[in-house]
N, C-alpha and C. Protein backbone atom coordinates (compact mmCIF):
# COMPACT_ATOMS: atom_id res chain seq x y z
N TYR A 1 -1.30 -10.87 -2.33
CA TYR A 1 -0.37 -9.88 -2.83
C TYR A 1 1.02 -10.27 -2.43
N GLY A 2 2.02 -9.72 -3.05
CA GLY A 2 3.40 -10.06 -2.74
C GLY A 2 3.94 -11.03 -3.78
N SER A 3 5.26 -11.20 -3.80
CA SER A 3 5.87 -12.03 -4.83
C SER A 3 5.88 -13.51 -4.46
N THR A 4 5.57 -13.84 -3.23
CA THR A 4 5.49 -15.24 -2.83
C THR A 4 4.17 -15.48 -2.12
N PRO A 5 3.68 -16.72 -2.12
CA PRO A 5 2.41 -17.01 -1.44
C PRO A 5 2.48 -16.70 0.05
N LYS A 6 1.33 -16.49 0.64
CA LYS A 6 1.19 -16.28 2.09
C LYS A 6 1.86 -15.01 2.58
N GLN A 7 1.91 -13.99 1.75
CA GLN A 7 2.41 -12.69 2.17
C GLN A 7 1.27 -11.70 2.10
N PHE A 8 1.31 -10.71 2.99
CA PHE A 8 0.19 -9.80 3.14
C PHE A 8 0.66 -8.36 3.24
N LEU A 9 -0.23 -7.45 2.87
CA LEU A 9 -0.02 -6.03 3.11
C LEU A 9 -0.03 -5.80 4.61
N ARG A 10 0.93 -5.03 5.11
CA ARG A 10 0.98 -4.72 6.54
C ARG A 10 1.72 -3.40 6.74
N HIS A 11 1.63 -2.87 7.93
CA HIS A 11 2.47 -1.73 8.29
C HIS A 11 3.36 -2.14 9.43
N SER A 12 4.55 -1.59 9.46
CA SER A 12 5.49 -1.82 10.54
C SER A 12 6.47 -0.65 10.51
N GLY A 13 6.71 -0.05 11.68
CA GLY A 13 7.58 1.12 11.70
C GLY A 13 6.99 2.28 10.91
N PHE A 14 5.66 2.32 10.79
CA PHE A 14 4.91 3.35 10.06
C PHE A 14 5.25 3.38 8.57
N LEU A 15 5.67 2.23 8.03
CA LEU A 15 5.91 2.08 6.60
C LEU A 15 5.07 0.91 6.10
N GLY A 16 4.75 0.93 4.80
CA GLY A 16 3.99 -0.15 4.19
C GLY A 16 4.92 -1.25 3.72
N TRP A 17 4.53 -2.50 3.96
CA TRP A 17 5.34 -3.66 3.60
C TRP A 17 4.43 -4.77 3.07
N ILE A 18 5.05 -5.70 2.36
CA ILE A 18 4.46 -6.99 2.06
C ILE A 18 5.32 -7.98 2.83
N SER A 19 4.70 -8.81 3.65
CA SER A 19 5.49 -9.74 4.46
C SER A 19 4.66 -10.94 4.86
N PRO A 20 5.35 -11.99 5.32
CA PRO A 20 4.61 -13.11 5.91
C PRO A 20 3.96 -12.65 7.21
N ILE A 21 2.86 -13.25 7.57
CA ILE A 21 2.15 -12.88 8.80
C ILE A 21 2.08 -14.11 9.71
N ASN A 22 2.46 -13.91 10.96
CA ASN A 22 2.35 -14.96 11.97
C ASN A 22 1.18 -14.58 12.88
N VAL A 23 0.07 -15.28 12.73
CA VAL A 23 -1.13 -14.90 13.48
C VAL A 23 -1.02 -15.20 14.97
N THR A 24 0.01 -15.92 15.39
CA THR A 24 0.16 -16.21 16.81
C THR A 24 0.85 -15.09 17.57
N THR A 25 1.47 -14.14 16.86
CA THR A 25 2.09 -13.01 17.56
C THR A 25 1.04 -11.94 17.81
N GLY A 26 1.30 -11.08 18.74
CA GLY A 26 0.32 -10.07 19.12
C GLY A 26 0.13 -8.95 18.13
N THR A 27 1.13 -8.67 17.26
CA THR A 27 1.01 -7.51 16.39
C THR A 27 0.80 -7.84 14.92
N ASP A 28 1.19 -9.01 14.47
CA ASP A 28 1.11 -9.29 13.03
C ASP A 28 -0.30 -9.14 12.48
N ALA A 29 -1.28 -9.78 13.10
CA ALA A 29 -2.65 -9.73 12.57
C ALA A 29 -3.21 -8.30 12.58
N PRO A 30 -3.12 -7.55 13.69
CA PRO A 30 -3.63 -6.17 13.65
C PRO A 30 -2.88 -5.27 12.67
N ASP A 31 -1.56 -5.48 12.54
CA ASP A 31 -0.77 -4.64 11.63
C ASP A 31 -1.06 -4.95 10.17
N SER A 32 -1.73 -6.06 9.90
CA SER A 32 -2.07 -6.41 8.52
C SER A 32 -3.58 -6.33 8.27
N THR A 33 -4.30 -5.63 9.13
CA THR A 33 -5.74 -5.49 8.97
C THR A 33 -6.07 -4.03 8.69
N PHE A 34 -6.77 -3.81 7.58
CA PHE A 34 -7.10 -2.46 7.13
C PHE A 34 -8.57 -2.40 6.75
N ILE A 35 -9.10 -1.20 6.69
CA ILE A 35 -10.44 -0.96 6.18
C ILE A 35 -10.28 -0.16 4.89
N VAL A 36 -10.80 -0.69 3.80
CA VAL A 36 -10.79 0.04 2.52
C VAL A 36 -12.05 0.89 2.49
N MET A 37 -11.87 2.19 2.51
CA MET A 37 -12.99 3.13 2.57
C MET A 37 -13.20 3.77 1.21
N LYS A 38 -14.37 3.55 0.63
CA LYS A 38 -14.69 4.14 -0.68
C LYS A 38 -15.23 5.55 -0.49
N ASP A 39 -14.83 6.44 -1.40
CA ASP A 39 -15.30 7.82 -1.40
C ASP A 39 -16.78 7.82 -1.80
N SER A 40 -17.60 8.50 -1.05
CA SER A 40 -19.04 8.53 -1.34
C SER A 40 -19.34 9.25 -2.66
N GLN A 41 -18.45 10.15 -3.09
CA GLN A 41 -18.64 10.88 -4.34
C GLN A 41 -18.13 10.10 -5.56
N ASN A 42 -17.09 9.28 -5.34
CA ASN A 42 -16.48 8.53 -6.44
C ASN A 42 -16.06 7.16 -5.91
N GLN A 43 -16.80 6.13 -6.24
CA GLN A 43 -16.59 4.79 -5.69
C GLN A 43 -15.27 4.16 -6.09
N SER A 44 -14.58 4.70 -7.11
CA SER A 44 -13.27 4.15 -7.49
C SER A 44 -12.14 4.78 -6.68
N HIS A 45 -12.45 5.81 -5.89
CA HIS A 45 -11.46 6.42 -5.00
C HIS A 45 -11.53 5.76 -3.64
N VAL A 46 -10.38 5.28 -3.13
CA VAL A 46 -10.36 4.60 -1.84
C VAL A 46 -9.26 5.17 -0.95
N ARG A 47 -9.49 5.08 0.34
CA ARG A 47 -8.49 5.36 1.37
C ARG A 47 -8.36 4.09 2.19
N ILE A 48 -7.16 3.79 2.66
CA ILE A 48 -6.90 2.54 3.36
C ILE A 48 -6.53 2.87 4.80
N ALA A 49 -7.45 2.56 5.71
CA ALA A 49 -7.30 2.93 7.12
C ALA A 49 -6.79 1.75 7.93
N SER A 50 -5.88 2.04 8.84
CA SER A 50 -5.37 1.03 9.77
C SER A 50 -6.44 0.71 10.80
N VAL A 51 -6.55 -0.56 11.15
CA VAL A 51 -7.50 -0.96 12.19
C VAL A 51 -6.94 -0.69 13.58
N ASN A 52 -5.65 -0.95 13.77
CA ASN A 52 -5.09 -0.81 15.12
C ASN A 52 -4.52 0.57 15.42
N TYR A 53 -4.51 1.46 14.45
CA TYR A 53 -4.14 2.86 14.67
C TYR A 53 -5.29 3.72 14.13
N PRO A 54 -6.27 4.02 14.95
CA PRO A 54 -7.41 4.81 14.47
C PRO A 54 -6.97 6.15 13.87
N ASP A 55 -7.60 6.52 12.78
CA ASP A 55 -7.34 7.77 12.06
C ASP A 55 -5.96 7.82 11.42
N TYR A 56 -5.34 6.65 11.18
CA TYR A 56 -4.09 6.53 10.42
C TYR A 56 -4.42 5.87 9.10
N TYR A 57 -3.78 6.36 8.03
CA TYR A 57 -4.06 5.89 6.68
C TYR A 57 -2.76 5.61 5.93
N LEU A 58 -2.81 4.69 4.97
CA LEU A 58 -1.68 4.52 4.07
C LEU A 58 -1.63 5.74 3.17
N THR A 59 -0.45 6.30 3.03
CA THR A 59 -0.23 7.48 2.19
C THR A 59 0.99 7.23 1.31
N TYR A 60 1.22 8.12 0.38
CA TYR A 60 2.44 8.05 -0.43
C TYR A 60 3.13 9.39 -0.33
N ASP A 61 4.43 9.33 -0.13
CA ASP A 61 5.26 10.52 -0.04
C ASP A 61 6.46 10.27 -0.93
N GLU A 62 6.54 10.98 -2.03
CA GLU A 62 7.49 10.67 -3.09
C GLU A 62 7.19 9.26 -3.56
N SER A 63 8.01 8.26 -3.22
CA SER A 63 7.71 6.93 -3.75
C SER A 63 7.40 5.90 -2.67
N ARG A 64 7.57 6.21 -1.40
CA ARG A 64 7.41 5.21 -0.33
C ARG A 64 6.01 5.26 0.26
N ILE A 65 5.42 4.07 0.49
CA ILE A 65 4.12 3.97 1.14
C ILE A 65 4.34 4.05 2.65
N GLN A 66 3.59 4.92 3.32
CA GLN A 66 3.74 5.15 4.75
C GLN A 66 2.38 5.06 5.44
N LEU A 67 2.41 4.90 6.76
CA LEU A 67 1.22 4.97 7.58
C LEU A 67 1.30 6.28 8.35
N GLN A 68 0.34 7.17 8.13
CA GLN A 68 0.38 8.49 8.75
C GLN A 68 -0.95 8.84 9.39
N SER A 69 -0.85 9.63 10.45
CA SER A 69 -2.03 10.14 11.13
C SER A 69 -2.66 11.23 10.27
N SER A 70 -3.97 11.21 10.18
CA SER A 70 -4.67 12.21 9.39
C SER A 70 -4.69 13.55 10.10
N ASN A 71 -4.37 14.60 9.36
CA ASN A 71 -4.55 15.96 9.89
C ASN A 71 -5.77 16.61 9.25
N HIS A 72 -6.50 15.83 8.45
CA HIS A 72 -7.76 16.23 7.81
C HIS A 72 -7.61 17.40 6.83
N SER A 73 -6.38 17.64 6.37
CA SER A 73 -6.17 18.70 5.39
C SER A 73 -6.45 18.17 3.98
N ALA A 74 -6.65 19.07 3.05
CA ALA A 74 -6.88 18.68 1.66
C ALA A 74 -5.65 17.96 1.11
N ASP A 75 -4.44 18.41 1.47
CA ASP A 75 -3.22 17.77 0.99
C ASP A 75 -3.12 16.35 1.53
N PHE A 76 -3.41 16.17 2.82
CA PHE A 76 -3.37 14.81 3.39
C PHE A 76 -4.41 13.93 2.70
N ASN A 77 -5.60 14.44 2.52
CA ASN A 77 -6.66 13.64 1.89
C ASN A 77 -6.27 13.18 0.49
N SER A 78 -5.63 14.06 -0.28
CA SER A 78 -5.23 13.63 -1.63
C SER A 78 -4.04 12.68 -1.58
N SER A 79 -3.15 12.81 -0.58
CA SER A 79 -2.01 11.89 -0.46
C SER A 79 -2.41 10.53 0.08
N SER A 80 -3.60 10.42 0.61
CA SER A 80 -4.05 9.13 1.14
C SER A 80 -5.17 8.53 0.30
N THR A 81 -5.39 9.08 -0.88
CA THR A 81 -6.46 8.59 -1.76
C THR A 81 -5.84 7.90 -2.96
N PHE A 82 -6.36 6.73 -3.26
CA PHE A 82 -5.90 5.93 -4.39
C PHE A 82 -7.09 5.65 -5.30
N LEU A 83 -6.79 5.51 -6.58
CA LEU A 83 -7.78 5.08 -7.55
C LEU A 83 -7.69 3.56 -7.63
N GLN A 84 -8.78 2.87 -7.37
CA GLN A 84 -8.81 1.41 -7.44
C GLN A 84 -9.13 1.02 -8.87
N VAL A 85 -8.18 0.32 -9.51
CA VAL A 85 -8.34 -0.08 -10.92
C VAL A 85 -8.23 -1.60 -11.02
N PRO A 86 -8.73 -2.20 -12.13
CA PRO A 86 -8.57 -3.65 -12.30
C PRO A 86 -7.10 -4.03 -12.21
N GLY A 87 -6.82 -5.22 -11.68
CA GLY A 87 -5.44 -5.68 -11.49
C GLY A 87 -4.61 -5.55 -12.77
N LEU A 88 -3.44 -4.93 -12.66
CA LEU A 88 -2.60 -4.67 -13.84
C LEU A 88 -2.01 -5.94 -14.45
N LEU A 89 -1.87 -6.98 -13.66
CA LEU A 89 -1.29 -8.20 -14.19
C LEU A 89 -2.35 -9.14 -14.76
N GLY A 90 -3.61 -8.68 -14.77
CA GLY A 90 -4.67 -9.40 -15.46
C GLY A 90 -5.37 -10.51 -14.70
N ALA A 91 -4.95 -10.78 -13.47
CA ALA A 91 -5.62 -11.84 -12.70
C ALA A 91 -7.03 -11.37 -12.33
N SER A 92 -8.00 -12.26 -12.50
CA SER A 92 -9.37 -11.88 -12.17
C SER A 92 -9.52 -11.68 -10.68
N SER A 93 -10.46 -10.90 -10.29
CA SER A 93 -10.79 -10.57 -8.90
C SER A 93 -9.64 -9.91 -8.14
N THR A 94 -8.73 -9.24 -8.86
CA THR A 94 -7.67 -8.48 -8.21
C THR A 94 -7.83 -7.01 -8.59
N PHE A 95 -7.14 -6.16 -7.85
CA PHE A 95 -7.14 -4.74 -8.19
C PHE A 95 -5.76 -4.17 -7.92
N SER A 96 -5.49 -3.05 -8.55
CA SER A 96 -4.26 -2.30 -8.33
C SER A 96 -4.64 -0.92 -7.80
N LEU A 97 -3.68 -0.26 -7.17
CA LEU A 97 -3.92 1.06 -6.58
C LEU A 97 -3.03 2.10 -7.25
N GLU A 98 -3.66 3.13 -7.79
CA GLU A 98 -2.97 4.24 -8.44
C GLU A 98 -3.14 5.48 -7.56
N PRO A 99 -2.04 6.04 -7.05
CA PRO A 99 -2.17 7.26 -6.24
C PRO A 99 -2.90 8.35 -7.02
N LEU A 100 -3.82 9.00 -6.36
CA LEU A 100 -4.66 10.00 -7.02
C LEU A 100 -3.81 11.10 -7.66
N LYS A 101 -2.73 11.50 -7.01
CA LYS A 101 -1.90 12.59 -7.52
C LYS A 101 -0.78 12.13 -8.46
N MET A 102 -0.71 10.82 -8.77
CA MET A 102 0.40 10.31 -9.58
C MET A 102 -0.13 9.39 -10.67
N SER A 103 -0.76 9.95 -11.67
CA SER A 103 -1.34 9.17 -12.76
C SER A 103 -0.27 8.32 -13.44
N GLY A 104 -0.60 7.04 -13.68
CA GLY A 104 0.33 6.13 -14.35
C GLY A 104 1.29 5.43 -13.41
N PHE A 105 1.25 5.76 -12.12
CA PHE A 105 2.08 5.11 -11.11
C PHE A 105 1.17 4.24 -10.24
N TYR A 106 1.73 3.15 -9.71
CA TYR A 106 0.92 2.20 -8.95
C TYR A 106 1.70 1.69 -7.75
N VAL A 107 0.97 1.24 -6.73
CA VAL A 107 1.60 0.64 -5.56
C VAL A 107 2.23 -0.68 -6.01
N SER A 108 3.49 -0.87 -5.66
CA SER A 108 4.25 -2.03 -6.10
C SER A 108 5.26 -2.42 -5.03
N THR A 109 5.71 -3.66 -5.09
CA THR A 109 6.82 -4.07 -4.24
C THR A 109 8.10 -3.91 -5.04
N SER A 110 9.20 -3.89 -4.33
CA SER A 110 10.50 -3.81 -4.99
C SER A 110 11.54 -4.41 -4.07
N VAL A 111 12.70 -4.66 -4.60
CA VAL A 111 13.78 -5.18 -3.78
C VAL A 111 14.21 -4.09 -2.81
N ALA A 112 14.39 -4.46 -1.56
CA ALA A 112 14.76 -3.49 -0.52
C ALA A 112 16.19 -3.01 -0.74
N THR A 113 16.38 -1.71 -0.56
CA THR A 113 17.73 -1.16 -0.56
C THR A 113 18.34 -1.45 0.81
N THR A 114 19.63 -1.21 0.93
CA THR A 114 20.30 -1.44 2.22
C THR A 114 19.61 -0.68 3.33
N GLU A 115 19.20 0.57 3.07
CA GLU A 115 18.54 1.39 4.09
C GLU A 115 17.17 0.86 4.45
N GLU A 116 16.54 0.11 3.56
CA GLU A 116 15.18 -0.36 3.78
C GLU A 116 15.10 -1.79 4.31
N LYS A 117 16.20 -2.49 4.39
CA LYS A 117 16.14 -3.87 4.87
C LYS A 117 15.60 -3.87 6.28
N TYR A 118 14.63 -4.69 6.51
CA TYR A 118 13.93 -4.68 7.79
C TYR A 118 14.00 -6.05 8.43
N LEU A 119 13.27 -6.98 7.91
CA LEU A 119 13.28 -8.36 8.39
C LEU A 119 13.27 -9.28 7.18
N PRO A 120 13.80 -10.49 7.31
CA PRO A 120 13.75 -11.42 6.17
C PRO A 120 12.31 -11.61 5.69
N GLY A 121 12.13 -11.57 4.38
CA GLY A 121 10.81 -11.78 3.81
C GLY A 121 9.99 -10.53 3.63
N TYR A 122 10.43 -9.39 4.19
CA TYR A 122 9.69 -8.14 4.04
C TYR A 122 10.07 -7.49 2.71
N GLU A 123 9.06 -7.04 1.98
CA GLU A 123 9.29 -6.31 0.74
C GLU A 123 8.69 -4.92 0.90
N PRO A 124 9.48 -3.85 0.69
CA PRO A 124 8.94 -2.50 0.86
C PRO A 124 7.91 -2.17 -0.22
N LEU A 125 6.92 -1.38 0.14
CA LEU A 125 5.93 -0.91 -0.83
C LEU A 125 6.35 0.47 -1.33
N HIS A 126 6.34 0.62 -2.63
CA HIS A 126 6.69 1.87 -3.29
C HIS A 126 5.57 2.25 -4.26
N VAL A 127 5.66 3.45 -4.76
CA VAL A 127 4.84 3.86 -5.89
C VAL A 127 5.77 3.80 -7.10
N ALA A 128 5.38 3.06 -8.13
CA ALA A 128 6.25 2.85 -9.28
C ALA A 128 5.48 3.06 -10.57
N LYS A 129 6.21 3.45 -11.60
CA LYS A 129 5.64 3.67 -12.93
C LYS A 129 5.34 2.31 -13.56
N PHE A 130 4.12 2.12 -14.07
CA PHE A 130 3.77 0.88 -14.74
C PHE A 130 4.34 0.90 -16.14
N VAL A 131 5.17 -0.11 -16.47
CA VAL A 131 5.82 -0.16 -17.77
C VAL A 131 5.18 -1.21 -18.66
N SER A 132 4.99 -2.42 -18.13
CA SER A 132 4.34 -3.48 -18.90
C SER A 132 3.68 -4.43 -17.92
N GLY A 133 3.16 -5.54 -18.39
CA GLY A 133 2.48 -6.49 -17.53
C GLY A 133 3.35 -7.10 -16.45
N LYS A 134 4.67 -7.02 -16.58
CA LYS A 134 5.55 -7.65 -15.59
C LYS A 134 6.54 -6.66 -14.98
N ASP A 135 6.69 -5.49 -15.54
CA ASP A 135 7.78 -4.60 -15.12
C ASP A 135 7.26 -3.32 -14.50
N PHE A 136 7.89 -2.93 -13.41
CA PHE A 136 7.65 -1.63 -12.80
C PHE A 136 8.99 -0.91 -12.70
N ALA A 137 9.00 0.38 -12.89
CA ALA A 137 10.20 1.17 -12.70
C ALA A 137 9.99 2.02 -11.46
N LYS A 138 10.92 1.94 -10.51
CA LYS A 138 10.79 2.68 -9.26
C LYS A 138 10.70 4.17 -9.55
N ALA A 139 9.77 4.84 -8.88
CA ALA A 139 9.57 6.28 -9.08
C ALA A 139 10.78 7.05 -8.59
């Protein structure tokens, strides 16, 4: 995933990012390791749990992907549930994530705004409207 090779989904500062991973550092590998949990009632519904922060899940709040602690409420559960669909760009063996509460929007990277600049090579994760095979419009 990501716009360049060797970039991975990760969390840092309790936000979702796509970034290069240095496996020799103490935090990069754990911060980029997640468990994709399928809903027992609907196998296309998934929640993405952090390995190094137990009971923390990737969620969406407005348009930004965040890592949040579960309060086990119905609102939290729906904000941390995504519909796993075939990859929107058509590559085989890939998938895209559509927030359960935001039909037609998908997890996407985008150019960081000044407020979001973090480290070189990091791309913030947002929820964006799918427009075509190559274009996303920021929510």
